[in-house]
N, C-alpha and C. Protein backbone atom coordinates (compact mmCIF):
# COMPACT_ATOMS: atom_id res chain seq x y z
N MET A 1 -92.61 149.26 308.13
CA MET A 1 -92.23 147.90 307.82
C MET A 1 -92.06 147.79 306.32
N SER A 2 -91.13 147.02 305.89
CA SER A 2 -90.83 146.91 304.48
C SER A 2 -91.87 146.09 303.72
N ASN A 3 -92.69 145.31 304.39
CA ASN A 3 -93.70 144.48 303.73
C ASN A 3 -95.04 144.76 304.36
N GLU A 4 -96.04 145.10 303.54
CA GLU A 4 -97.37 145.47 304.07
C GLU A 4 -98.33 144.28 304.13
N HIS A 5 -97.90 143.08 303.74
CA HIS A 5 -98.75 141.90 303.80
C HIS A 5 -98.72 141.30 305.20
N PRO A 6 -99.80 140.62 305.60
CA PRO A 6 -99.77 139.97 306.92
C PRO A 6 -98.55 139.06 307.05
N THR A 7 -98.04 138.99 308.26
CA THR A 7 -96.82 138.22 308.50
C THR A 7 -96.92 137.48 309.83
N THR A 8 -96.22 136.37 309.94
CA THR A 8 -96.20 135.61 311.19
C THR A 8 -94.98 135.94 312.03
N ALA A 9 -94.06 136.73 311.47
CA ALA A 9 -92.85 137.08 312.22
C ALA A 9 -92.30 138.41 311.75
N VAL A 10 -91.77 139.18 312.70
CA VAL A 10 -91.11 140.44 312.38
C VAL A 10 -89.77 140.48 313.09
N SER A 11 -88.84 141.12 312.42
CA SER A 11 -87.53 141.34 313.00
C SER A 11 -87.36 142.84 313.20
N VAL A 12 -86.87 143.23 314.37
CA VAL A 12 -86.57 144.63 314.64
C VAL A 12 -85.11 144.82 314.25
N VAL A 13 -84.89 145.67 313.24
CA VAL A 13 -83.59 145.81 312.62
C VAL A 13 -83.01 147.19 312.88
N ILE A 14 -81.75 147.23 313.28
CA ILE A 14 -81.01 148.48 313.41
C ILE A 14 -80.26 148.64 312.09
N THR A 15 -80.46 149.79 311.44
CA THR A 15 -79.88 149.96 310.11
C THR A 15 -78.53 150.65 310.12
N ASP A 16 -78.25 151.44 311.16
CA ASP A 16 -76.98 152.16 311.19
C ASP A 16 -76.68 152.58 312.63
N ALA A 17 -75.58 152.10 313.15
CA ALA A 17 -75.14 152.47 314.49
C ALA A 17 -73.61 152.46 314.51
N PRO A 18 -72.99 153.54 314.00
CA PRO A 18 -71.52 153.58 313.91
C PRO A 18 -70.82 153.36 315.25
N ALA A 19 -71.44 153.76 316.35
CA ALA A 19 -70.85 153.55 317.67
C ALA A 19 -71.40 152.29 318.34
N GLY A 20 -72.04 151.42 317.55
CA GLY A 20 -72.60 150.18 318.09
C GLY A 20 -73.83 150.42 318.94
N VAL A 21 -74.39 149.34 319.45
CA VAL A 21 -75.54 149.42 320.35
C VAL A 21 -75.05 148.96 321.72
N GLN A 22 -75.10 149.87 322.69
CA GLN A 22 -74.70 149.51 324.04
C GLN A 22 -75.83 148.86 324.80
N LYS A 23 -77.04 149.47 324.70
CA LYS A 23 -78.17 148.89 325.41
C LYS A 23 -79.48 149.32 324.79
N TYR A 24 -80.47 148.45 324.98
CA TYR A 24 -81.83 148.81 324.58
C TYR A 24 -82.82 148.09 325.48
N THR A 25 -83.96 148.72 325.63
CA THR A 25 -85.13 148.11 326.25
C THR A 25 -86.28 148.45 325.33
N ALA A 26 -87.00 147.44 324.87
CA ALA A 26 -88.07 147.65 323.91
C ALA A 26 -89.30 146.86 324.29
N ARG A 27 -90.45 147.40 323.92
CA ARG A 27 -91.73 146.72 324.11
C ARG A 27 -92.38 146.62 322.76
N ILE A 28 -92.78 145.40 322.40
CA ILE A 28 -93.48 145.17 321.15
C ILE A 28 -94.79 144.48 321.47
N ALA A 29 -95.87 144.95 320.84
CA ALA A 29 -97.19 144.41 321.12
C ALA A 29 -97.97 144.25 319.82
N CYS A 30 -98.95 143.36 319.85
CA CYS A 30 -99.81 143.14 318.70
C CYS A 30 -101.25 143.28 319.17
N ASP A 31 -102.00 144.15 318.51
CA ASP A 31 -103.40 144.33 318.88
C ASP A 31 -104.35 143.85 317.78
N ALA A 32 -103.92 142.85 317.02
CA ALA A 32 -104.76 142.28 315.97
C ALA A 32 -105.96 141.58 316.60
N ALA A 33 -107.06 141.55 315.87
CA ALA A 33 -108.27 140.88 316.36
C ALA A 33 -107.99 139.38 316.52
N GLY A 34 -108.64 138.79 317.48
CA GLY A 34 -108.48 137.36 317.71
C GLY A 34 -107.55 137.08 318.87
N GLU A 35 -107.16 135.85 318.97
CA GLU A 35 -106.33 135.39 320.08
C GLU A 35 -104.87 135.25 319.64
N ILE A 36 -104.33 136.29 319.06
CA ILE A 36 -102.95 136.27 318.59
C ILE A 36 -102.00 136.32 319.78
N THR A 37 -101.05 135.41 319.81
CA THR A 37 -100.05 135.41 320.87
C THR A 37 -98.65 135.28 320.26
N ILE A 38 -97.69 135.57 321.06
CA ILE A 38 -96.29 135.41 320.65
C ILE A 38 -95.89 133.96 320.86
N GLU A 39 -95.33 133.37 319.82
CA GLU A 39 -94.87 131.98 319.90
C GLU A 39 -93.38 131.86 320.19
N ALA A 40 -92.61 132.89 319.83
CA ALA A 40 -91.17 132.84 320.06
C ALA A 40 -90.60 134.25 320.07
N VAL A 41 -89.56 134.43 320.87
CA VAL A 41 -88.79 135.67 320.92
C VAL A 41 -87.34 135.26 320.74
N GLU A 42 -86.74 135.70 319.64
CA GLU A 42 -85.39 135.27 319.30
C GLU A 42 -84.42 136.44 319.34
N PRO A 43 -83.30 136.31 320.03
CA PRO A 43 -82.31 137.40 320.09
C PRO A 43 -81.61 137.59 318.76
N GLY A 44 -81.04 138.78 318.60
CA GLY A 44 -80.30 139.09 317.39
C GLY A 44 -78.85 139.38 317.71
N VAL A 45 -78.38 140.53 317.25
CA VAL A 45 -76.97 140.88 317.31
C VAL A 45 -76.39 140.89 318.74
N LEU A 46 -77.17 141.19 319.74
CA LEU A 46 -76.67 141.18 321.13
C LEU A 46 -77.17 139.93 321.87
N GLU A 47 -77.14 138.81 321.19
CA GLU A 47 -77.69 137.54 321.71
C GLU A 47 -77.17 137.20 323.10
N ARG A 48 -75.90 137.37 323.30
CA ARG A 48 -75.28 137.00 324.58
C ARG A 48 -75.84 137.79 325.77
N TYR A 49 -76.37 138.99 325.49
CA TYR A 49 -76.82 139.89 326.55
C TYR A 49 -78.34 140.05 326.59
N PHE A 50 -79.05 139.32 325.76
CA PHE A 50 -80.49 139.47 325.55
C PHE A 50 -81.30 138.78 326.63
N GLU A 51 -82.40 139.42 327.05
CA GLU A 51 -83.32 138.76 327.97
C GLU A 51 -84.73 139.30 327.79
N VAL A 52 -85.69 138.42 328.03
CA VAL A 52 -87.10 138.79 328.06
C VAL A 52 -87.40 139.25 329.48
N VAL A 53 -87.94 140.48 329.60
CA VAL A 53 -88.20 141.07 330.91
C VAL A 53 -89.64 140.84 331.35
N ASP A 54 -90.57 140.91 330.39
CA ASP A 54 -91.99 140.81 330.71
C ASP A 54 -92.73 140.28 329.49
N GLY A 55 -93.84 139.57 329.72
CA GLY A 55 -94.61 139.03 328.61
C GLY A 55 -93.84 137.94 327.91
N GLY A 56 -94.01 137.87 326.59
CA GLY A 56 -93.28 136.88 325.81
C GLY A 56 -94.18 135.78 325.31
N VAL A 57 -93.67 134.57 325.27
CA VAL A 57 -94.40 133.43 324.73
C VAL A 57 -95.75 133.28 325.45
N GLY A 58 -96.82 133.18 324.64
CA GLY A 58 -98.17 133.04 325.17
C GLY A 58 -98.87 134.36 325.46
N SER A 59 -98.19 135.46 325.29
CA SER A 59 -98.73 136.78 325.56
C SER A 59 -98.91 137.54 324.24
N ALA A 60 -99.61 138.67 324.30
CA ALA A 60 -99.77 139.52 323.13
C ALA A 60 -98.70 140.61 323.07
N PHE A 61 -97.80 140.63 324.07
CA PHE A 61 -96.73 141.63 324.10
C PHE A 61 -95.47 141.02 324.71
N VAL A 62 -94.36 141.70 324.50
CA VAL A 62 -93.11 141.29 325.12
C VAL A 62 -92.28 142.55 325.38
N ARG A 63 -91.58 142.54 326.47
CA ARG A 63 -90.60 143.60 326.80
C ARG A 63 -89.26 142.91 326.89
N VAL A 64 -88.30 143.38 326.11
CA VAL A 64 -86.97 142.76 326.04
C VAL A 64 -85.90 143.81 326.29
N ARG A 65 -84.71 143.33 326.65
CA ARG A 65 -83.59 144.24 326.82
C ARG A 65 -82.29 143.50 326.57
N ALA A 66 -81.26 144.30 326.30
CA ALA A 66 -79.91 143.78 326.16
C ALA A 66 -78.95 144.91 326.52
N VAL A 67 -77.84 144.53 327.17
CA VAL A 67 -76.82 145.50 327.56
C VAL A 67 -75.46 144.91 327.22
N ASP A 68 -74.70 145.64 326.39
CA ASP A 68 -73.36 145.23 325.98
C ASP A 68 -72.39 146.31 326.46
N MET A 69 -71.94 146.22 327.68
CA MET A 69 -71.08 147.26 328.27
C MET A 69 -69.65 147.20 327.73
N THR A 70 -69.24 146.07 327.14
CA THR A 70 -67.87 145.93 326.68
C THR A 70 -67.66 146.37 325.24
N GLY A 71 -68.74 146.55 324.50
CA GLY A 71 -68.63 146.93 323.09
C GLY A 71 -68.30 145.75 322.20
N GLU A 72 -68.54 144.57 322.69
CA GLU A 72 -68.22 143.35 321.97
C GLU A 72 -68.86 143.28 320.58
N ALA A 73 -70.10 143.78 320.46
CA ALA A 73 -70.81 143.70 319.19
C ALA A 73 -70.22 144.65 318.15
N GLY A 74 -69.57 145.71 318.58
CA GLY A 74 -68.90 146.64 317.67
C GLY A 74 -69.84 147.54 316.90
N ALA A 75 -69.28 148.29 315.98
CA ALA A 75 -70.03 149.22 315.14
C ALA A 75 -70.91 148.43 314.18
N LEU A 76 -72.07 148.99 313.87
CA LEU A 76 -73.00 148.34 312.95
C LEU A 76 -73.22 149.26 311.76
N SER A 77 -72.64 148.92 310.62
CA SER A 77 -72.83 149.72 309.42
C SER A 77 -73.78 149.04 308.44
N ASP A 78 -74.00 147.75 308.62
CA ASP A 78 -74.97 147.01 307.83
C ASP A 78 -76.16 146.70 308.71
N PRO A 79 -77.36 146.59 308.12
CA PRO A 79 -78.54 146.25 308.93
C PRO A 79 -78.33 144.95 309.71
N ALA A 80 -78.75 144.98 310.98
CA ALA A 80 -78.61 143.81 311.86
C ALA A 80 -79.86 143.70 312.72
N SER A 81 -80.32 142.50 312.93
CA SER A 81 -81.51 142.26 313.75
C SER A 81 -81.18 142.41 315.23
N LEU A 82 -81.98 143.20 315.93
CA LEU A 82 -81.87 143.29 317.39
C LEU A 82 -82.59 142.10 318.02
N PHE A 83 -83.79 141.78 317.47
CA PHE A 83 -84.54 140.61 317.92
C PHE A 83 -85.66 140.33 316.94
N THR A 84 -86.20 139.11 316.99
CA THR A 84 -87.29 138.67 316.12
C THR A 84 -88.42 138.13 316.98
N ILE A 85 -89.65 138.47 316.59
CA ILE A 85 -90.85 137.99 317.27
C ILE A 85 -91.65 137.14 316.30
N ARG A 86 -92.07 135.95 316.74
CA ARG A 86 -92.92 135.07 315.92
C ARG A 86 -94.30 134.99 316.58
N PHE A 87 -95.34 135.19 315.75
CA PHE A 87 -96.71 135.19 316.24
C PHE A 87 -97.42 133.87 315.92
N SER A 88 -98.50 133.59 316.64
CA SER A 88 -99.25 132.35 316.47
C SER A 88 -99.95 132.26 315.12
N GLU A 89 -100.24 133.39 314.50
CA GLU A 89 -100.80 133.43 313.16
C GLU A 89 -100.43 134.76 312.50
N ALA A 90 -100.67 134.85 311.20
CA ALA A 90 -100.31 136.05 310.45
C ALA A 90 -101.09 137.26 310.97
N VAL A 91 -100.40 138.37 311.10
CA VAL A 91 -101.00 139.61 311.58
C VAL A 91 -100.68 140.74 310.60
N PRO A 92 -101.57 141.73 310.51
CA PRO A 92 -101.24 142.89 309.66
C PRO A 92 -100.15 143.73 310.33
N PRO A 93 -99.20 144.22 309.57
CA PRO A 93 -98.11 145.03 310.15
C PRO A 93 -98.62 146.22 310.95
N THR A 94 -99.75 146.78 310.56
CA THR A 94 -100.29 147.95 311.27
C THR A 94 -100.77 147.61 312.68
N SER A 95 -100.91 146.33 313.00
CA SER A 95 -101.36 145.93 314.35
C SER A 95 -100.20 145.78 315.32
N ILE A 96 -98.97 145.95 314.84
CA ILE A 96 -97.78 145.76 315.67
C ILE A 96 -97.22 147.12 316.06
N THR A 97 -96.97 147.29 317.36
CA THR A 97 -96.37 148.54 317.82
C THR A 97 -95.04 148.23 318.51
N LEU A 98 -94.10 149.12 318.32
CA LEU A 98 -92.78 149.00 318.92
C LEU A 98 -92.47 150.30 319.64
N THR A 99 -92.08 150.18 320.90
CA THR A 99 -91.68 151.34 321.69
C THR A 99 -90.34 151.04 322.33
N PHE A 100 -89.38 151.93 322.12
CA PHE A 100 -88.09 151.80 322.79
C PHE A 100 -88.08 152.68 324.02
N GLU A 101 -87.84 152.09 325.17
CA GLU A 101 -87.64 152.86 326.41
C GLU A 101 -86.21 153.40 326.40
N THR A 102 -85.29 152.59 325.88
CA THR A 102 -83.88 152.94 325.78
C THR A 102 -83.34 152.36 324.49
N LEU A 103 -82.54 153.14 323.77
CA LEU A 103 -81.80 152.66 322.61
C LEU A 103 -80.57 153.55 322.51
N GLN A 104 -79.46 153.05 323.04
CA GLN A 104 -78.28 153.89 323.23
C GLN A 104 -77.05 153.24 322.62
N ASP A 105 -76.16 154.10 322.07
CA ASP A 105 -74.91 153.59 321.51
C ASP A 105 -73.78 153.67 322.54
N HIS A 106 -72.60 153.24 322.17
CA HIS A 106 -71.47 153.20 323.11
C HIS A 106 -70.87 154.57 323.41
N ASP A 107 -71.33 155.60 322.70
CA ASP A 107 -70.93 156.97 323.03
C ASP A 107 -71.90 157.60 324.03
N GLY A 108 -72.92 156.84 324.46
CA GLY A 108 -73.91 157.36 325.39
C GLY A 108 -75.01 158.16 324.73
N GLU A 109 -75.05 158.15 323.39
CA GLU A 109 -76.05 158.90 322.64
C GLU A 109 -77.25 158.02 322.32
N THR A 110 -78.42 158.64 322.25
CA THR A 110 -79.63 157.93 321.84
C THR A 110 -79.58 157.69 320.34
N ILE A 111 -79.83 156.46 319.94
CA ILE A 111 -79.88 156.12 318.52
C ILE A 111 -81.23 156.58 317.99
N PRO A 112 -81.27 157.34 316.89
CA PRO A 112 -82.54 157.89 316.40
C PRO A 112 -83.49 156.82 315.88
N ASP A 113 -84.79 157.12 315.97
CA ASP A 113 -85.83 156.20 315.50
C ASP A 113 -85.63 155.83 314.03
N GLU A 114 -85.08 156.75 313.25
CA GLU A 114 -84.88 156.50 311.82
C GLU A 114 -83.88 155.38 311.56
N ALA A 115 -83.13 154.98 312.55
CA ALA A 115 -82.12 153.94 312.40
C ALA A 115 -82.68 152.55 312.75
N VAL A 116 -84.00 152.48 312.98
CA VAL A 116 -84.64 151.22 313.35
C VAL A 116 -85.84 150.97 312.45
N ARG A 117 -86.04 149.72 312.07
CA ARG A 117 -87.21 149.38 311.25
C ARG A 117 -87.69 147.97 311.59
N PHE A 118 -88.91 147.66 311.17
CA PHE A 118 -89.45 146.28 311.19
C PHE A 118 -89.18 145.66 309.84
N ASP A 119 -88.83 144.40 309.81
CA ASP A 119 -88.79 143.63 308.56
C ASP A 119 -89.69 142.43 308.75
N ALA A 120 -90.56 142.17 307.79
CA ALA A 120 -91.34 140.94 307.81
C ALA A 120 -90.39 139.79 307.53
N VAL A 121 -90.46 138.76 308.37
CA VAL A 121 -89.56 137.61 308.20
C VAL A 121 -90.22 136.56 307.33
N GLU A 122 -91.51 136.39 307.49
CA GLU A 122 -92.23 135.36 306.72
C GLU A 122 -93.50 135.94 306.18
């Protein structure tokens, strides 16, 4: 994550995807002490295709996915948010985990982990 200070929101950012993002399924969780919950899950670049699959608001985790079979979003050469998570209170970045079950471009290739990062929003 680009900011090591506690934050109330993080954005999952794709930094480079020349063949665009066709689909992703991701799970993000927070294991900070206390009763930290997710207050909001906001779609990013694939907003039209975005959905919460499991968890979400009121939970300590969320599983989200998006599928763009038409390539409408196009190539991504500038950083773009895939989605943003807002927490009930500030959490240390080290308490947040992100796991991609799928992260694929329109060529059918897996997008490397190095092309994804967390950004503190607040």
